């Protein structure tokens, strides 16, 4: 699933577009890495810790939205003059403004978040009218049966993905051509509507996603090393996280499925298929603002193979290959990229 990482020369935090908090995490990790040297499991443990911190930071907007839903569920007074759903909408707007003003989210990232709002709200209006799920019938800040805070839950997915692109410096091998991705995402989105009248093509579309993205590999930099993961594995992992968040949201009475009308229970695992397909739509929207790039020359072909001795003497505590070169019986990289790595 996860391939062994290769060390790469680190770009500066400014070059990677880090915020102040992200720069502090990066500086702390560099300090610890210099102190540890190349000490096996300790270095790997540091990478894992930085990975967890960066993932939590990328999830910031989604985590705060879930916190708002739970707070409203347990502590919002029933007889308040402002309806709970309207309060949630206003709180979500305030949260988004704070993230933009404090530069926790860039204006460029807000373009993606706005797209997710529109795409998600349109589907919500249709799905609630078709009886797929339901919201409480209170408040005035709504479109039909859909409170406006619902769009922010889709925006939370977009916020996570677009921040992950930046924080982990994502690069891709064999990314499909843009028109292929766009056509497949359009078919997936359309099926969410048309399956109410036509045969459900969900599993055919899942097979199509696997066929199109089956050879695509994601390169992501945690701190001193770049890791690789098949993109479809990343889709499954994020879809699973969304399923967990969905269970938290339905427990907080944000919305309910018909089967939950008589009492809350876990959402069916079959929803994982829907969230997996949503990942394709999500990635297509993010790629519109952040076109997928191939691994750079250093990560793709200019780094030593795994197992090459490292030295810690580069400026800023960067990790680099030892002058002694790779150990015996390890093939040096060929310095070339295999496959179509540029978006079409």
Protein backbone atom coordinates (compact mmCIF):
# COMPACT_ATOMS: atom_id res chain seq x y z
CA UNK A 1 0.00 0.00 0.00
CA UNK A 2 2.59 2.55 1.16
CA UNK A 3 5.89 2.41 -0.64
CA UNK A 4 9.11 3.16 1.16
CA UNK A 5 10.02 6.85 1.06
CA UNK A 6 12.99 8.57 -0.42
CA UNK A 7 14.77 11.54 1.16
CA UNK A 8 14.44 14.84 -0.68
CA UNK A 9 16.05 18.25 -0.26
CA UNK A 10 13.48 20.37 1.58
CA UNK A 11 12.09 23.56 0.11
CA UNK A 12 11.74 26.45 2.52
CA UNK A 13 8.40 26.91 4.32
CA UNK A 14 7.83 30.11 2.34
CA UNK A 15 8.40 28.29 -0.95
CA UNK A 16 5.82 25.69 0.08
CA UNK A 17 3.28 28.40 1.01
CA UNK A 18 3.16 27.52 4.71
CA UNK A 19 1.14 29.55 7.19
CA UNK A 20 2.64 30.67 10.51
CA UNK A 21 1.47 27.55 12.36
CA UNK A 22 2.76 25.30 9.58
CA UNK A 23 6.15 27.03 9.66
CA UNK A 24 6.39 26.41 13.43
CA UNK A 25 5.66 22.71 12.94
CA UNK A 26 8.30 22.59 10.21
CA UNK A 27 10.94 24.39 12.32
CA UNK A 28 10.24 22.16 15.32
CA UNK A 29 10.58 19.03 13.17
CA UNK A 30 13.85 20.28 11.65
CA UNK A 31 15.26 20.94 15.13
CA UNK A 32 14.30 17.46 16.32
CA UNK A 33 15.64 15.86 13.13
CA UNK A 34 19.04 17.51 13.57
CA UNK A 35 19.15 16.31 17.17
CA UNK A 36 18.17 12.74 16.27
CA UNK A 37 20.35 12.33 13.21
CA UNK A 38 19.54 9.21 11.21
CA UNK A 39 18.46 7.02 14.11
CA UNK A 40 16.06 4.58 12.56
CA UNK A 41 12.78 4.28 14.41
CA UNK A 42 13.12 7.68 16.10
CA UNK A 43 13.33 9.45 12.77
CA UNK A 44 10.37 7.44 11.48
CA UNK A 45 8.42 8.28 14.65
CA UNK A 46 9.09 11.96 14.05
CA UNK A 47 7.81 11.66 10.49
CA UNK A 48 4.65 9.97 11.80
CA UNK A 49 4.10 12.69 14.40
CA UNK A 50 4.52 15.46 11.81
CA UNK A 51 2.13 13.57 9.50
CA UNK A 52 -0.53 13.44 12.23
CA UNK A 53 -0.09 17.12 13.09
CA UNK A 54 -0.36 18.17 9.44
CA UNK A 55 -3.41 15.97 8.86
CA UNK A 56 -5.11 17.49 11.90
CA UNK A 57 -4.25 20.95 10.61
CA UNK A 58 -5.62 20.16 7.14
CA UNK A 59 -8.87 18.94 8.79
CA UNK A 60 -9.25 22.16 10.81
CA UNK A 61 -12.39 23.51 9.11
CA UNK A 62 -14.12 20.12 9.06
CA UNK A 63 -13.26 19.44 12.71
CA UNK A 64 -14.59 22.84 13.77
CA UNK A 65 -17.79 22.24 11.79
CA UNK A 66 -18.33 18.92 13.58
CA UNK A 67 -17.66 20.66 16.89
CA UNK A 68 -20.34 23.24 16.03
CA UNK A 69 -22.85 20.50 15.18
CA UNK A 70 -22.21 18.65 18.43
CA UNK A 71 -22.36 21.85 20.48
CA UNK A 72 -25.69 22.77 18.90
CA UNK A 73 -26.99 19.25 19.52
CA UNK A 74 -26.23 19.24 23.24
CA UNK A 75 -26.22 22.86 24.39
CA UNK A 76 -28.32 25.01 22.05
CA UNK A 77 -31.53 25.96 23.91
CA UNK A 78 -34.75 24.65 22.41
CA UNK A 79 -36.70 27.85 22.98
CA UNK A 80 -34.09 30.24 21.56
CA UNK A 81 -35.35 33.09 19.41
CA UNK A 82 -32.89 32.14 16.67
CA UNK A 83 -33.52 28.73 15.15
CA UNK A 84 -30.74 26.21 15.65
CA UNK A 85 -30.16 25.72 11.91
CA UNK A 86 -29.92 29.49 11.37
CA UNK A 87 -27.44 29.75 14.25
CA UNK A 88 -25.35 26.99 12.68
CA UNK A 89 -25.37 28.79 9.32
CA UNK A 90 -24.25 32.09 10.88
CA UNK A 91 -21.56 30.31 12.92
CA UNK A 92 -20.27 28.53 9.80
CA UNK A 93 -20.11 31.85 7.91
CA UNK A 94 -18.21 33.45 10.80
CA UNK A 95 -15.82 30.50 10.90
CA UNK A 96 -15.13 30.80 7.17
CA UNK A 97 -14.53 34.55 7.45
CA UNK A 98 -12.11 34.08 10.35
CA UNK A 99 -10.11 31.49 8.42
CA UNK A 100 -9.87 33.84 5.43
CA UNK A 101 -9.02 36.98 7.42
CA UNK A 102 -6.37 35.19 9.48
CA UNK A 103 -4.96 33.64 6.29
CA UNK A 104 -5.55 30.12 7.51
CA UNK A 105 -7.17 29.76 4.10
CA UNK A 106 -6.06 31.63 0.99
CA UNK A 107 -8.26 33.42 -1.51
CA UNK A 108 -7.25 30.82 -4.08
CA UNK A 109 -8.41 28.03 -1.78
CA UNK A 110 -11.69 29.87 -1.25
CA UNK A 111 -12.42 29.41 -4.96
CA UNK A 112 -12.45 25.66 -4.39
CA UNK A 113 -14.55 26.01 -1.23
CA UNK A 114 -17.05 28.12 -3.20
CA UNK A 115 -17.30 25.45 -5.89
CA UNK A 116 -18.00 22.81 -3.25
CA UNK A 117 -20.75 25.02 -1.81
CA UNK A 118 -22.53 25.27 -5.14
CA UNK A 119 -22.11 21.63 -6.19
CA UNK A 120 -23.10 20.34 -2.75
CA UNK A 121 -26.11 22.61 -2.24
CA UNK A 122 -27.59 21.77 -5.65
CA UNK A 123 -27.38 18.06 -4.84
CA UNK A 124 -28.80 18.64 -1.34
CA UNK A 125 -31.86 20.44 -2.69
CA UNK A 126 -32.59 17.61 -5.08
CA UNK A 127 -31.86 14.77 -2.66
CA UNK A 128 -34.04 16.17 0.13
CA UNK A 129 -36.91 16.68 -2.30
CA UNK A 130 -36.49 13.02 -3.37
CA UNK A 131 -36.60 11.86 0.28
CA UNK A 132 -33.02 10.54 0.44
CA UNK A 133 -32.48 12.31 3.77
CA UNK A 134 -34.10 15.12 5.74
CA UNK A 135 -33.25 18.16 7.88
CA UNK A 136 -35.20 19.69 10.73
CA UNK A 137 -37.90 22.05 9.45
CA UNK A 138 -36.83 25.20 11.29
CA UNK A 139 -35.14 28.48 10.43
CA UNK A 140 -35.32 30.83 7.48
CA UNK A 141 -31.77 30.58 6.14
CA UNK A 142 -32.52 27.72 3.80
CA UNK A 143 -33.24 26.81 0.19
CA UNK A 144 -36.34 24.65 0.08
CA UNK A 145 -35.83 21.99 2.75
CA UNK A 146 -32.06 22.53 2.94
CA UNK A 147 -30.47 24.76 5.61
CA UNK A 148 -27.60 26.78 4.20
CA UNK A 149 -25.08 25.32 6.64
CA UNK A 150 -25.23 22.07 4.64
CA UNK A 151 -23.07 23.67 1.95
CA UNK A 152 -20.33 24.22 4.51
CA UNK A 153 -20.13 20.47 5.15
CA UNK A 154 -19.24 19.93 1.50
CA UNK A 155 -16.91 22.91 1.76
CA UNK A 156 -15.16 21.16 4.65
CA UNK A 157 -14.21 18.35 2.27
CA UNK A 158 -12.93 20.86 -0.26
CA UNK A 159 -11.00 22.76 2.43
CA UNK A 160 -9.30 19.55 3.57
CA UNK A 161 -8.31 18.49 0.07
CA UNK A 162 -7.00 21.84 -1.07
CA UNK A 163 -5.01 22.34 2.16
CA UNK A 164 -3.60 18.82 1.79
CA UNK A 165 -2.38 19.68 -1.72
CA UNK A 166 -0.39 22.57 -0.27
CA UNK A 167 0.71 21.22 3.11
CA UNK A 168 1.93 17.87 1.76
CA UNK A 169 3.25 19.29 -1.53
CA UNK A 170 1.35 16.65 -3.52
CA UNK A 171 2.74 15.40 -6.84
CA UNK A 172 1.35 12.70 -9.11
CA UNK A 173 2.64 10.07 -11.51
CA UNK A 174 0.43 9.06 -14.45
CA UNK A 175 -2.38 11.50 -13.72
CA UNK A 176 -5.21 10.98 -16.24
CA UNK A 177 -5.82 13.55 -18.93
CA UNK A 178 -7.97 16.43 -17.77
CA UNK A 179 -10.85 15.75 -20.13
CA UNK A 180 -11.04 12.14 -18.93
CA UNK A 181 -11.22 13.23 -15.30
CA UNK A 182 -13.81 15.89 -16.10
CA UNK A 183 -16.00 13.49 -18.10
CA UNK A 184 -15.88 10.83 -15.39
CA UNK A 185 -16.64 13.35 -12.63
CA UNK A 186 -19.60 14.67 -14.64
CA UNK A 187 -20.95 11.13 -15.09
CA UNK A 188 -20.59 10.45 -11.36
CA UNK A 189 -22.38 13.68 -10.44
CA UNK A 190 -25.16 13.01 -12.92
CA UNK A 191 -25.69 9.50 -11.55
CA UNK A 192 -26.46 10.93 -8.11
CA UNK A 193 -29.55 12.44 -9.77
CA UNK A 194 -30.48 10.03 -12.55
CA UNK A 195 -30.46 6.83 -10.48
CA UNK A 196 -33.83 7.92 -9.11
CA UNK A 197 -35.33 7.21 -12.57
CA UNK A 198 -32.73 5.14 -14.43
CA UNK A 199 -30.69 2.07 -13.41
CA UNK A 200 -28.04 2.95 -10.84
CA UNK A 201 -24.62 2.97 -12.54
CA UNK A 202 -22.75 3.40 -9.24
CA UNK A 203 -20.68 0.24 -9.39
CA UNK A 204 -19.90 0.68 -13.06
CA UNK A 205 -18.61 4.15 -12.20
CA UNK A 206 -16.56 2.74 -9.32
CA UNK A 207 -15.01 0.31 -11.80
CA UNK A 208 -14.33 3.19 -14.19
CA UNK A 209 -12.59 5.19 -11.44
CA UNK A 210 -10.42 2.18 -10.60
CA UNK A 211 -9.56 1.71 -14.28
CA UNK A 212 -8.72 5.39 -14.87
CA UNK A 213 -6.80 6.00 -11.64
CA UNK A 214 -5.49 2.48 -11.03
CA UNK A 215 -1.95 3.37 -12.14
CA UNK A 216 -1.85 6.88 -10.64
CA UNK A 217 0.57 7.30 -7.74
CA UNK A 218 0.53 10.18 -5.27
CA UNK A 219 3.82 11.54 -3.92
CA UNK A 220 3.44 13.43 -0.64
CA UNK A 221 6.11 15.01 1.48
CA UNK A 222 5.66 14.77 5.24
CA UNK A 223 8.87 16.41 6.40
CA UNK A 224 12.27 15.08 5.35
CA UNK A 225 11.00 12.29 3.14
CA UNK A 226 8.62 11.85 0.26
CA UNK A 227 6.20 8.95 0.44
CA UNK A 228 4.16 7.30 -2.32
CA UNK A 229 0.65 5.91 -2.26
CA UNK A 230 -1.74 4.71 -4.99
CA UNK A 231 -4.37 7.40 -5.48
CA UNK A 232 -7.25 4.92 -5.23
CA UNK A 233 -6.00 3.96 -1.75
CA UNK A 234 -6.07 7.64 -0.80
CA UNK A 235 -9.65 7.83 -2.14
CA UNK A 236 -10.68 4.90 0.08
CA UNK A 237 -9.01 6.36 3.17
CA UNK A 238 -10.59 9.80 2.77
CA UNK A 239 -13.99 8.25 1.94
CA UNK A 240 -13.74 6.23 5.18
CA UNK A 241 -12.95 9.39 7.16
CA UNK A 242 -15.98 11.12 5.63
CA UNK A 243 -18.14 8.14 6.60
CA UNK A 244 -16.97 8.51 10.21
CA UNK A 245 -17.70 12.26 10.10
CA UNK A 246 -21.12 11.52 8.64
CA UNK A 247 -21.92 9.30 11.61
CA UNK A 248 -20.92 12.11 13.98
CA UNK A 249 -23.09 14.60 12.05
CA UNK A 250 -26.18 12.36 12.02
CA UNK A 251 -25.67 11.65 15.73
CA UNK A 252 -25.74 15.44 16.21
CA UNK A 253 -29.07 15.56 14.30
CA UNK A 254 -27.57 17.63 11.49
CA UNK A 255 -29.65 15.44 9.15
CA UNK A 256 -31.19 11.98 9.26
CA UNK A 257 -31.66 9.16 6.80
CA UNK A 258 -35.11 7.53 6.62
CA UNK A 259 -33.80 4.43 8.41
CA UNK A 260 -32.74 6.65 11.36
CA UNK A 261 -36.16 8.23 11.88
CA UNK A 262 -37.01 5.88 14.76
CA UNK A 263 -33.60 6.14 16.41
CA UNK A 264 -30.01 6.87 15.52
CA UNK A 265 -27.71 4.08 14.37
CA UNK A 266 -24.55 3.85 12.33
CA UNK A 267 -24.87 4.83 8.70
CA UNK A 268 -24.76 1.83 6.37
CA UNK A 269 -21.33 0.88 5.09
CA UNK A 270 -22.81 0.94 1.60
CA UNK A 271 -22.48 4.72 1.78
CA UNK A 272 -18.73 4.25 1.42
CA UNK A 273 -19.34 3.67 -2.29
CA UNK A 274 -21.03 7.07 -2.57
CA UNK A 275 -18.24 8.80 -0.69
CA UNK A 276 -15.63 7.04 -2.83
CA UNK A 277 -17.32 8.47 -5.93
CA UNK A 278 -17.58 11.86 -4.28
CA UNK A 279 -13.79 11.80 -4.03
CA UNK A 280 -13.59 11.79 -7.83
CA UNK A 281 -15.81 14.88 -8.02
CA UNK A 282 -13.82 16.52 -5.24
CA UNK A 283 -10.46 15.87 -6.86
CA UNK A 284 -11.74 17.21 -10.20
CA UNK A 285 -12.83 20.46 -8.50
CA UNK A 286 -9.52 20.86 -6.63
CA UNK A 287 -7.53 20.10 -9.81
CA UNK A 288 -9.32 23.00 -11.49
CA UNK A 289 -7.50 25.40 -9.13
CA UNK A 290 -4.40 23.29 -8.40
CA UNK A 291 -3.52 21.42 -11.62
CA UNK A 292 -1.79 18.14 -10.62
CA UNK A 293 1.95 18.30 -11.16
CA UNK A 294 4.47 15.48 -11.71
CA UNK A 295 7.18 14.75 -9.16
CA UNK A 296 10.02 17.23 -9.57
CA UNK A 297 13.39 16.11 -10.85
CA UNK A 298 14.83 15.60 -7.38
CA UNK A 299 11.96 13.42 -6.13
CA UNK A 300 11.47 11.50 -9.37
CA UNK A 301 15.02 10.70 -10.38
CA UNK A 302 17.64 12.73 -8.57
CA UNK A 303 17.44 11.19 -5.10
CA UNK A 304 19.41 8.23 -3.82
CA UNK A 305 17.65 4.90 -3.43
CA UNK A 306 16.24 3.94 -0.07
CA UNK A 307 19.07 2.70 2.12
CA UNK A 308 21.62 5.24 0.88
CA UNK A 309 23.54 6.78 3.82
CA UNK A 310 22.28 10.27 4.70
CA UNK A 311 24.10 13.29 6.01
CA UNK A 312 22.57 16.10 8.07
CA UNK A 313 25.05 18.87 7.22
CA UNK A 314 23.01 20.75 4.62
CA UNK A 315 21.84 24.28 5.57
CA UNK A 316 18.66 24.34 7.59
CA UNK A 317 18.99 20.72 8.67
CA UNK A 318 18.06 19.36 5.25
CA UNK A 319 18.51 15.73 4.51
CA UNK A 320 20.71 14.79 1.59
CA UNK A 321 22.64 11.86 0.15
CA UNK A 322 25.98 10.97 1.63
CA UNK A 323 29.00 11.63 -0.61
CA UNK A 324 29.82 7.95 -0.29
CA UNK A 325 26.83 7.19 -2.53
CA UNK A 326 24.53 4.19 -2.32
CA UNK A 327 25.62 1.02 -0.56
CA UNK A 328 26.68 -1.96 -2.59
CA UNK A 329 23.99 -4.15 -4.17
CA UNK A 330 21.58 -1.20 -4.44
CA UNK A 331 20.85 0.13 -7.90
CA UNK A 332 21.18 3.88 -8.39
CA UNK A 333 18.15 5.67 -9.86
CA UNK A 334 18.03 6.14 -13.58
CA UNK A 335 16.92 9.78 -13.43
CA UNK A 336 13.83 9.42 -15.55
CA UNK A 337 10.09 9.55 -15.05
CA UNK A 338 8.07 6.64 -16.38
CA UNK A 339 4.59 7.11 -17.80
CA UNK A 340 2.43 10.13 -18.55
CA UNK A 341 2.96 12.38 -15.55
CA UNK A 342 1.51 15.61 -16.95
CA UNK A 343 -2.18 16.44 -16.80
CA UNK A 344 -3.78 16.50 -20.21
